[in-house]
Amino acid sequence: MKSKALRTIAGAAAIISFIAGCSQQQAVQPVEGDSKPAPPVQSEQVEITVYSAPGDSEESWNENFGNAIRKKFPNYKIRFINPRGNDALKIQNQIVAGQNIDIYYESIGGFFSSVPEIGLQYDMSDLVKKYNLDVSRFEPTAIEAMKENAGGQIWGLPVYTNSMVLYYNKDIFDKFAVPYPTDGMTWDEVLTLARKLNKVDGGKQYFGLAVSPAHIIKMNPFSLPLVDRATGTATINRDERWKQLFQTVFVEPTSDSGYRDAIQTIGNKLPYTDNFVKDGTVAMFEMLSNLPTLIPEFANVNWDMVATPTFKDLPGVGTQSYPTYFAIPNFSKHKEEAFQIIQYLTSDEVQKDNAKKGVMSVLNGQQFKDLYGESRYQGKNYKAVFYDRFPSIMSKTPYDSIAEKAYTKSIVDLSLGKIDLNTLLRTAEEEANKGIESAKKK
C-alpha cells in the first residue's frame, strides 16, 4: 500500500511538472565531443535538486561532480540532499512532503529495488536520442544490466563504477616476513598467505584476510543472482557455487582459533574497514576499488593493492562491475536540464578528471585506465583494478535487499563455527523466501 501511495504522489507531481514546463527557451552549448548541438531548454535560472541515495557527503559530491557542474552550467543552482542520519530526508518522506528531485543516484546494489518500489522510474531513452548520447562509449555490462533489469528501458545512466580489489598492509607482511601478494593469484594462493598472517604479536591479534560480505555477495564472479527472477525465490541453496563462495571467503579465512577469538573481542563482528585503516590488524582486505578515495585514514597506512583473487574454474574473471546510476525521477520539474548534467558527467572531460582521483570510469578506453589514481596516492598498483575482466552483472529483482539481508545474517556465526555451512544455506533460503512472500503481499 505504501509503494502504491508513493507512486500516486509521484504521478501527480509529474502532471504538475508538465503543466509548469512551458516557458521561454534558449540554445545551450553541447558537451564537446559527446553530442551534436543540443535542443533548446528553459532560459531562466533553475534549481536542480540532486538526491544521494548512498548518503555521500556534500564535500565528496562537490569534489567529484558538483564543482564541475557549476562551472559548466553557471545558470543552474544545484541543491544537494544527503539523507544519511536524517529520517526527514529519506526519499519517501521527501516525496510525501512535495520536494522536487531532478537527479537521483544510487549504486546498482539497491537501484533496481528502490526505484520501482518508490515509483521513480522514468525512461530516458527519448532524451538519449534527442541529445545524441552514444551509449556504445560505456562499459558494456553496465548498459546491458540497465536494459535487462528495466525491461529494455533506460531508467538511469552509469556515471561511475567499482570493482573489488585486494588491499594489503605492507607493514604486517614485513613484520612476519611473508611475501606480498601479486596480481593474478587464486583464492587458494591468497588463503595460504592469510594463514601465515593469522598471528598474535605483542598481545595483538592479526587477521590474515577480511572480505566485505555484502559486496562479495552482490559482486560475485559467478554472476549468481540473489533471487530467481522467474520464480521470485532465493537461489542460495539451489546452486553449489554459492557454497563454494561462502566456504572460500567466510569459512576458510576464519578457521584459525585466534581469528575466531578476535572476532568476539571486537564485538562479534567480522574485521572490516576500521580494522584495516585504523587498528592496523588486517593484513589483506577485499573491498571496493574506490575505498582510498572515501577513507582519509588510508594516508596513514603503508598499503598497496593487487587484483581480486580468482577461482580456478574462472581464470581471468574478477568481480562484477558495480556501477552507480544517475536517474531522473518521473516527477522531476527539470528533466531536460537534469539530462544535460548527467550527459556532461559521462563526458570524456569529467571521466578523465575523476579517473585521476581514483573514481573508476564507466567509459571504454585505455586512456581512462592509464589516468586512474594518478593524482591520489603515488606509486600504487592501480593496474590491479583492471587486471581481470568483468563477468556479466547478475539479474536484479525488487527483492534483492531482502535476500541479501538473509544471506549475510548468520555469517558471523558461520565464521565462529557455531553453525555449519549447510545450515546457513538452508536457513538463509527459508528466511529470504519468507521475507519475499511477505513483501509480495504488500
Protein backbone atom coordinates (compact mmCIF):
# COMPACT_ATOMS: atom_id res chain seq x y z
CA MET A 1 0.00 0.00 0.00
CA LYS A 2 2.86 2.34 0.86
CA SER A 3 4.54 1.98 -2.51
CA LYS A 4 1.21 2.49 -4.32
CA ALA A 5 0.63 5.73 -2.45
CA LEU A 6 4.09 6.96 -3.32
CA ARG A 7 3.56 6.18 -7.00
CA THR A 8 0.30 8.11 -6.92
CA ILE A 9 2.08 11.12 -5.43
CA ALA A 10 4.89 10.81 -7.98
CA GLY A 11 2.37 10.65 -10.83
CA ALA A 12 0.56 13.75 -9.63
CA ALA A 13 3.87 15.56 -9.36
CA ALA A 14 4.69 14.62 -12.94
CA ILE A 15 1.42 16.19 -14.19
CA ILE A 16 2.11 19.41 -12.30
CA SER A 17 5.64 19.42 -13.73
CA PHE A 18 4.33 19.06 -17.29
CA ILE A 19 1.88 21.95 -16.90
CA ALA A 20 4.58 24.16 -15.42
CA GLY A 21 7.12 23.28 -18.08
CA CYS A 22 6.03 25.76 -20.75
CA SER A 23 8.44 28.68 -20.61
CA GLN A 24 10.86 30.70 -22.68
CA GLN A 25 13.73 28.77 -24.22
CA GLN A 26 17.24 29.35 -25.47
CA ALA A 27 20.00 27.26 -27.03
CA VAL A 28 22.75 25.83 -24.81
CA GLN A 29 26.22 24.61 -25.61
CA PRO A 30 26.63 20.86 -26.17
CA VAL A 31 29.13 18.69 -24.31
CA GLU A 32 32.22 18.79 -26.50
CA GLY A 33 32.94 15.58 -28.38
CA ASP A 34 30.00 13.71 -26.93
CA SER A 35 26.91 15.04 -28.73
CA LYS A 36 25.56 17.16 -31.53
CA PRO A 37 24.06 20.63 -30.86
CA ALA A 38 21.57 20.35 -28.02
CA PRO A 39 17.89 21.26 -28.37
CA PRO A 40 16.71 24.41 -26.54
CA VAL A 41 15.90 24.36 -22.83
CA GLN A 42 14.45 26.78 -20.28
CA SER A 43 16.18 30.15 -20.29
CA GLU A 44 15.64 31.26 -16.71
CA GLN A 45 17.82 30.12 -13.84
CA VAL A 46 16.58 26.85 -12.41
CA GLU A 47 17.30 24.93 -9.23
CA ILE A 48 18.38 21.34 -9.84
CA THR A 49 17.92 19.12 -6.81
CA VAL A 50 20.24 16.11 -6.55
CA TYR A 51 19.45 13.25 -4.17
CA SER A 52 22.26 10.97 -2.99
CA ALA A 53 20.82 7.58 -2.04
CA PRO A 54 24.28 6.37 -0.85
CA GLY A 55 24.41 9.30 1.56
CA ASP A 56 27.57 10.87 0.15
CA SER A 57 28.88 13.92 1.94
CA GLU A 58 28.35 17.23 0.16
CA GLU A 59 32.12 17.73 0.22
CA SER A 60 32.69 14.47 -1.66
CA TRP A 61 29.87 15.27 -4.10
CA ASN A 62 31.30 18.70 -4.85
CA GLU A 63 34.82 17.38 -5.35
CA ASN A 64 33.79 14.75 -7.88
CA PHE A 65 30.71 16.28 -9.52
CA GLY A 66 29.21 19.45 -8.04
CA ASN A 67 32.06 21.84 -8.80
CA ALA A 68 32.32 20.61 -12.39
CA ILE A 69 28.55 21.02 -12.90
CA ARG A 70 28.54 24.58 -11.54
CA LYS A 71 31.42 25.55 -13.81
CA LYS A 72 29.80 24.03 -16.89
CA PHE A 73 26.26 25.24 -16.12
CA PRO A 74 26.54 28.53 -14.20
CA ASN A 75 22.82 29.20 -14.74
CA TYR A 76 21.84 26.11 -12.76
CA LYS A 77 21.64 26.30 -9.00
CA ILE A 78 22.48 22.88 -7.55
CA ARG A 79 20.82 21.75 -4.36
CA PHE A 80 22.25 18.56 -2.84
CA ILE A 81 20.38 16.26 -0.44
CA ASN A 82 22.26 13.76 1.71
CA PRO A 83 19.75 11.71 3.77
CA ARG A 84 22.31 9.97 5.97
CA GLY A 85 21.27 10.21 9.61
CA ASN A 86 18.15 12.28 8.95
CA ASP A 87 14.84 10.42 8.55
CA ALA A 88 13.08 13.55 7.30
CA LEU A 89 15.35 13.49 4.27
CA LYS A 90 14.62 9.89 3.33
CA ILE A 91 13.36 9.71 -0.22
CA GLN A 92 9.86 8.55 0.74
CA ASN A 93 9.44 11.41 3.20
CA GLN A 94 10.78 13.93 0.69
CA ILE A 95 8.24 12.82 -1.93
CA VAL A 96 5.35 12.96 0.52
CA ALA A 97 6.48 16.47 1.51
CA GLY A 98 6.32 17.54 -2.15
CA GLN A 99 10.05 18.03 -2.62
CA ASN A 100 11.09 18.17 -6.26
CA ILE A 101 14.03 15.92 -7.14
CA ASP A 102 15.69 16.15 -10.54
CA ILE A 103 18.57 13.69 -10.21
CA TYR A 104 18.51 10.57 -8.05
CA TYR A 105 21.62 8.41 -7.90
CA GLU A 106 22.25 5.03 -6.36
CA SER A 107 24.56 2.07 -6.81
CA ILE A 108 23.30 -0.99 -8.65
CA GLY A 109 23.08 -2.85 -5.35
CA GLY A 110 19.89 -1.03 -4.44
CA PHE A 111 18.84 0.81 -7.59
CA PHE A 112 16.55 -1.85 -9.04
CA SER A 113 14.87 -2.42 -5.69
CA SER A 114 14.28 1.16 -4.59
CA VAL A 115 13.46 2.85 -7.90
CA PRO A 116 10.45 0.65 -8.80
CA GLU A 117 9.39 0.33 -5.16
CA ILE A 118 9.23 4.09 -4.70
CA GLY A 119 7.89 4.63 -8.21
CA LEU A 120 10.68 6.86 -9.52
CA GLN A 121 11.28 5.18 -12.88
CA TYR A 122 11.40 7.35 -15.97
CA ASP A 123 12.61 6.06 -19.34
CA MET A 124 15.40 8.34 -20.55
CA SER A 125 15.58 6.66 -23.98
CA ASP A 126 13.98 9.60 -25.81
CA LEU A 127 16.40 12.04 -24.18
CA VAL A 128 19.32 9.78 -25.11
CA LYS A 129 18.23 10.04 -28.75
CA LYS A 130 17.35 13.73 -28.57
CA TYR A 131 20.76 14.66 -27.17
CA ASN A 132 22.64 12.17 -29.35
CA LEU A 133 24.28 10.35 -26.44
CA ASP A 134 26.38 7.44 -27.72
CA VAL A 135 25.80 4.58 -25.28
CA SER A 136 28.38 2.43 -27.09
CA ARG A 137 31.02 4.50 -25.27
CA PHE A 138 30.05 2.89 -21.97
CA GLU A 139 31.45 -0.27 -20.39
CA PRO A 140 29.06 -2.88 -21.86
CA THR A 141 27.95 -4.76 -18.73
CA ALA A 142 26.70 -1.53 -17.09
CA ILE A 143 24.40 -0.72 -20.02
CA GLU A 144 23.35 -4.34 -20.51
CA ALA A 145 22.39 -4.59 -16.84
CA MET A 146 20.27 -1.44 -17.08
CA LYS A 147 18.32 -2.63 -20.10
CA GLU A 148 17.92 -6.18 -18.79
CA ASN A 149 16.59 -5.08 -15.43
CA ALA A 150 14.47 -2.18 -16.68
CA GLY A 151 12.61 -4.10 -19.38
CA GLY A 152 14.63 -2.55 -22.19
CA GLN A 153 14.22 0.99 -20.87
CA ILE A 154 16.91 3.33 -19.58
CA TRP A 155 15.98 4.38 -16.06
CA GLY A 156 19.44 5.75 -15.42
CA LEU A 157 22.90 6.14 -16.88
CA PRO A 158 26.08 4.89 -15.20
CA VAL A 159 28.33 7.75 -14.11
CA TYR A 160 31.00 5.84 -12.18
CA THR A 161 31.62 2.26 -11.21
CA ASN A 162 33.67 -0.01 -8.94
CA SER A 163 35.35 -3.35 -8.93
CA MET A 164 36.78 -5.20 -5.94
CA VAL A 165 40.49 -5.39 -5.21
CA LEU A 166 42.66 -6.92 -2.52
CA TYR A 167 44.32 -4.27 -0.34
CA TYR A 168 47.27 -5.28 1.80
CA ASN A 169 49.24 -3.76 4.65
CA LYS A 170 52.93 -3.96 3.81
CA ASP A 171 53.99 -3.46 7.44
CA ILE A 172 52.19 -6.62 8.58
CA PHE A 173 53.74 -8.64 5.77
CA ASP A 174 57.18 -7.27 6.63
CA LYS A 175 56.70 -7.96 10.34
CA PHE A 176 56.12 -11.65 9.71
CA ALA A 177 58.48 -11.95 6.72
CA VAL A 178 55.71 -13.05 4.37
CA PRO A 179 55.98 -12.15 0.65
CA TYR A 180 53.46 -9.63 -0.66
CA PRO A 181 50.52 -10.86 -2.74
CA THR A 182 50.68 -10.37 -6.51
CA ASP A 183 48.24 -9.83 -9.36
CA GLY A 184 46.73 -13.00 -10.78
CA MET A 185 46.62 -15.03 -7.57
CA THR A 186 43.86 -17.57 -6.96
CA TRP A 187 41.81 -17.71 -3.79
CA ASP A 188 43.72 -20.84 -2.75
CA GLU A 189 47.02 -18.96 -3.01
CA VAL A 190 45.70 -15.99 -1.06
CA LEU A 191 44.31 -18.24 1.66
CA THR A 192 47.74 -19.84 2.01
CA LEU A 193 49.22 -16.37 2.59
CA ALA A 194 46.44 -15.48 5.01
CA ARG A 195 47.13 -18.48 7.25
CA LYS A 196 50.72 -17.29 7.70
CA LEU A 197 49.43 -13.95 8.94
CA ASN A 198 46.84 -15.11 11.49
CA LYS A 199 49.25 -14.42 14.32
CA VAL A 200 49.47 -12.84 17.75
CA ASP A 201 52.35 -10.44 18.32
CA GLY A 202 52.81 -8.24 21.36
CA GLY A 203 49.35 -9.22 22.58
CA LYS A 204 47.83 -8.08 19.29
CA GLN A 205 45.85 -10.48 17.09
CA TYR A 206 46.37 -10.02 13.36
CA PHE A 207 43.81 -11.10 10.79
CA GLY A 208 45.27 -12.60 7.61
CA LEU A 209 42.27 -11.81 5.44
CA ALA A 210 38.96 -9.95 5.70
CA VAL A 211 36.29 -9.79 2.99
CA SER A 212 33.31 -7.43 2.79
CA PRO A 213 30.32 -9.82 2.94
CA ALA A 214 27.71 -7.63 1.22
CA HIS A 215 29.97 -6.69 -1.66
CA ILE A 216 31.43 -10.11 -2.47
CA ILE A 217 27.88 -11.50 -2.49
CA LYS A 218 26.45 -8.74 -4.72
CA MET A 219 29.52 -8.72 -6.99
CA ASN A 220 30.23 -12.44 -7.02
CA PRO A 221 32.30 -13.59 -10.02
CA PHE A 222 29.82 -16.35 -10.87
CA SER A 223 27.13 -13.73 -11.65
CA LEU A 224 24.77 -15.63 -9.36
CA PRO A 225 21.51 -13.70 -8.82
CA LEU A 226 20.26 -13.33 -5.27
CA VAL A 227 16.70 -14.07 -6.35
CA ASP A 228 15.49 -16.09 -9.31
CA ARG A 229 13.52 -13.66 -11.44
CA ALA A 230 11.21 -16.32 -12.88
CA THR A 231 10.16 -17.83 -9.55
CA GLY A 232 10.78 -14.95 -7.16
CA THR A 233 12.64 -17.25 -4.77
CA ALA A 234 16.10 -17.31 -3.18
CA THR A 235 18.93 -19.03 -5.07
CA ILE A 236 21.39 -19.53 -2.22
CA ASN A 237 20.55 -23.18 -1.53
CA ARG A 238 19.96 -24.14 -5.16
CA ASP A 239 23.37 -23.57 -6.72
CA GLU A 240 26.56 -25.22 -5.46
CA ARG A 241 28.60 -22.18 -6.43
CA TRP A 242 27.09 -20.25 -3.52
CA LYS A 243 28.50 -22.94 -1.23
CA GLN A 244 31.88 -22.64 -2.93
CA LEU A 245 31.88 -18.86 -2.45
CA PHE A 246 30.89 -18.94 1.23
CA GLN A 247 33.36 -21.73 2.03
CA THR A 248 36.19 -19.81 0.37
CA VAL A 249 35.66 -16.29 1.71
CA PHE A 250 33.93 -16.81 5.06
CA VAL A 251 34.89 -20.25 6.37
CA GLU A 252 38.49 -20.80 5.28
CA PRO A 253 39.93 -17.40 6.34
CA THR A 254 38.42 -17.66 9.84
CA SER A 255 39.23 -21.30 10.66
CA ASP A 256 42.14 -20.31 12.93
CA SER A 257 41.16 -20.30 16.62
CA GLY A 258 42.91 -16.99 17.27
CA TYR A 259 40.97 -15.36 14.46
CA ARG A 260 37.71 -16.61 15.94
CA ASP A 261 38.62 -15.37 19.42
CA ALA A 262 39.42 -11.96 17.99
CA ILE A 263 36.03 -11.76 16.24
CA GLN A 264 34.42 -11.97 19.65
CA THR A 265 36.72 -9.35 21.17
CA ILE A 266 35.71 -6.80 18.52
CA GLY A 267 32.02 -7.25 19.31
CA ASN A 268 31.12 -10.42 17.41
CA LYS A 269 31.78 -8.75 14.08
CA LEU A 270 33.98 -9.67 11.16
CA PRO A 271 37.02 -7.40 10.76
CA TYR A 272 36.25 -4.56 8.40
CA THR A 273 37.49 -1.18 7.16
CA ASP A 274 38.46 0.32 10.53
CA ASN A 275 40.48 -2.75 11.41
CA PHE A 276 42.48 -2.25 8.22
CA VAL A 277 42.96 1.53 8.20
CA LYS A 278 42.83 2.42 11.91
CA ASP A 279 43.72 -0.60 14.05
CA GLY A 280 46.30 -1.96 11.62
CA THR A 281 45.34 -5.55 12.38
CA VAL A 282 44.11 -6.74 8.95
CA ALA A 283 46.83 -7.89 6.56
CA MET A 284 44.61 -8.23 3.46
CA PHE A 285 41.20 -6.67 2.84
CA GLU A 286 38.95 -7.50 -0.12
CA MET A 287 36.83 -4.42 -0.75
CA LEU A 288 35.64 -1.84 -3.31
CA SER A 289 38.30 -0.29 -5.51
CA ASN A 290 37.33 3.30 -4.63
CA LEU A 291 37.89 2.88 -0.88
CA PRO A 292 41.02 5.07 -0.72
CA THR A 293 39.01 7.97 -2.17
CA LEU A 294 36.45 7.66 0.64
CA ILE A 295 38.60 6.93 3.71
CA PRO A 296 41.15 9.62 4.65
CA GLU A 297 42.89 7.22 7.05
CA PHE A 298 44.35 5.35 4.09
CA ALA A 299 47.05 8.03 4.13
CA ASN A 300 48.27 6.59 7.44
CA VAL A 301 48.64 3.01 6.17
CA ASN A 302 51.60 1.56 4.28
CA TRP A 303 49.29 -0.10 1.76
CA ASP A 304 49.10 -1.29 -1.79
CA MET A 305 46.65 -3.36 -3.81
CA VAL A 306 46.53 -6.36 -6.13
CA ALA A 307 43.80 -7.78 -8.32
CA THR A 308 40.97 -9.60 -6.60
CA PRO A 309 41.76 -13.33 -6.26
CA THR A 310 40.14 -15.60 -8.82
CA PHE A 311 38.60 -19.05 -8.66
CA LYS A 312 40.41 -21.83 -10.51
CA ASP A 313 37.33 -22.57 -12.58
CA LEU A 314 37.04 -18.88 -13.58
CA PRO A 315 40.55 -17.87 -14.68
CA GLY A 316 40.87 -14.20 -15.60
CA VAL A 317 37.43 -13.33 -14.24
CA GLY A 318 37.17 -10.76 -11.46
CA THR A 319 34.14 -9.49 -9.62
CA GLN A 320 31.17 -7.86 -11.31
CA SER A 321 31.21 -4.18 -12.13
CA TYR A 322 29.28 -2.16 -9.55
CA PRO A 323 28.03 0.95 -11.38
CA THR A 324 26.20 3.86 -9.83
CA TYR A 325 23.29 5.04 -11.97
CA PHE A 326 22.06 8.62 -12.20
CA ALA A 327 18.31 8.72 -12.83
CA ILE A 328 15.71 11.40 -13.49
CA PRO A 329 12.59 10.80 -11.35
CA ASN A 330 9.34 10.84 -13.33
CA PHE A 331 8.12 13.86 -11.32
CA SER A 332 11.23 15.98 -11.94
CA LYS A 333 10.40 19.55 -12.99
CA HIS A 334 13.60 19.91 -15.00
CA LYS A 335 14.15 16.73 -16.97
CA GLU A 336 15.98 18.35 -19.88
CA GLU A 337 18.39 20.21 -17.64
CA ALA A 338 18.94 17.12 -15.49
CA PHE A 339 19.77 15.06 -18.55
CA GLN A 340 22.26 17.68 -19.74
CA ILE A 341 24.02 17.41 -16.40
CA ILE A 342 24.12 13.62 -16.47
CA GLN A 343 25.37 13.65 -20.05
CA TYR A 344 28.14 16.05 -19.05
CA LEU A 345 29.16 13.81 -16.14
CA THR A 346 29.67 10.98 -18.64
CA SER A 347 31.80 13.15 -20.95
CA ASP A 348 35.47 12.38 -21.57
CA GLU A 349 36.37 15.59 -19.75
CA VAL A 350 34.74 14.69 -16.44
CA GLN A 351 35.52 10.98 -16.66
CA LYS A 352 39.24 11.67 -17.18
CA ASP A 353 39.36 14.18 -14.35
CA ASN A 354 37.67 11.80 -11.94
CA ALA A 355 39.78 8.84 -13.08
CA LYS A 356 42.83 10.76 -11.86
CA LYS A 357 41.19 10.98 -8.43
CA GLY A 358 40.59 7.22 -8.29
CA VAL A 359 36.96 7.25 -9.44
CA MET A 360 36.59 4.35 -11.87
CA SER A 361 35.32 5.44 -15.27
CA VAL A 362 32.25 3.90 -16.89
CA LEU A 363 33.65 4.55 -20.37
CA ASN A 364 35.59 2.24 -22.65
CA GLY A 365 39.14 3.27 -23.48
CA GLN A 366 42.66 2.69 -22.24
CA GLN A 367 43.11 6.41 -21.54
CA PHE A 368 40.75 6.21 -18.56
CA LYS A 369 42.66 3.25 -17.13
CA ASP A 370 46.03 4.93 -17.63
CA LEU A 371 44.90 8.02 -15.71
CA TYR A 372 43.34 6.09 -12.84
CA GLY A 373 44.50 7.29 -9.43
CA GLU A 374 47.43 9.36 -10.68
CA SER A 375 46.61 12.38 -8.50
CA ARG A 376 45.67 10.46 -5.33
CA TYR A 377 48.36 8.17 -3.94
CA GLN A 378 51.58 7.83 -5.87
CA GLY A 379 53.31 4.55 -6.63
CA LYS A 380 50.32 2.28 -6.08
CA ASN A 381 49.49 -0.74 -8.23
CA TYR A 382 46.41 0.83 -9.81
CA LYS A 383 46.50 -1.54 -12.77
CA ALA A 384 45.15 -4.15 -10.34
CA VAL A 385 41.71 -2.53 -10.70
CA PHE A 386 41.60 -3.52 -14.38
CA TYR A 387 43.62 -6.76 -14.25
CA ASP A 388 40.70 -9.16 -14.83
CA ARG A 389 37.63 -8.89 -16.99
CA PHE A 390 34.16 -8.18 -15.65
CA PRO A 391 31.64 -11.02 -15.72
CA SER A 392 28.03 -10.20 -16.60
CA ILE A 393 26.15 -8.31 -13.93
CA MET A 394 23.66 -10.64 -12.27
CA SER A 395 19.95 -10.11 -12.87
CA LYS A 396 18.19 -7.98 -10.27
CA THR A 397 14.75 -8.11 -8.66
CA PRO A 398 12.87 -5.80 -6.26
CA TYR A 399 13.53 -8.39 -3.54
CA ASP A 400 17.32 -8.45 -3.64
CA SER A 401 17.75 -6.41 -0.47
CA ILE A 402 15.55 -8.89 1.41
CA ALA A 403 17.64 -11.80 0.16
CA GLU A 404 20.92 -10.06 0.87
CA LYS A 405 19.91 -9.44 4.49
CA ALA A 406 19.03 -13.11 4.92
CA TYR A 407 22.24 -14.28 3.22
CA THR A 408 24.51 -12.18 5.44
CA LYS A 409 22.62 -12.55 8.74
CA SER A 410 24.47 -15.60 10.06
CA ILE A 411 27.93 -15.15 8.51
CA VAL A 412 29.49 -14.30 11.87
CA ASP A 413 28.06 -17.48 13.42
CA LEU A 414 29.38 -19.41 10.43
CA SER A 415 32.83 -17.88 10.83
CA LEU A 416 32.83 -18.70 14.55
CA GLY A 417 31.90 -22.32 13.84
CA LYS A 418 28.59 -22.01 15.68
CA ILE A 419 26.70 -23.25 12.62
CA ASP A 420 27.82 -25.24 9.62
CA LEU A 421 27.59 -24.04 6.05
CA ASN A 422 24.69 -26.31 5.07
CA THR A 423 22.65 -24.90 7.95
CA LEU A 424 23.38 -21.34 6.89
CA LEU A 425 22.37 -22.02 3.29
CA ARG A 426 19.13 -23.69 4.32
CA THR A 427 18.07 -21.11 6.93
CA ALA A 428 19.05 -18.20 4.66
CA GLU A 429 16.90 -19.64 1.89
CA GLU A 430 13.95 -20.08 4.22
CA GLU A 431 14.23 -16.60 5.70
CA ALA A 432 14.68 -14.93 2.31
CA ASN A 433 11.68 -16.69 0.80
CA LYS A 434 9.54 -15.81 3.81
CA GLY A 435 10.52 -12.16 3.51
CA ILE A 436 9.88 -12.13 -0.23
CA GLU A 437 6.42 -13.64 0.17
CA SER A 438 5.59 -11.05 2.80
CA ALA A 439 6.76 -8.23 0.51
CA LYS A 440 4.65 -9.54 -2.39
CA LYS A 441 1.51 -9.23 -0.29
CA LYS A 442 2.03 -5.55 0.49
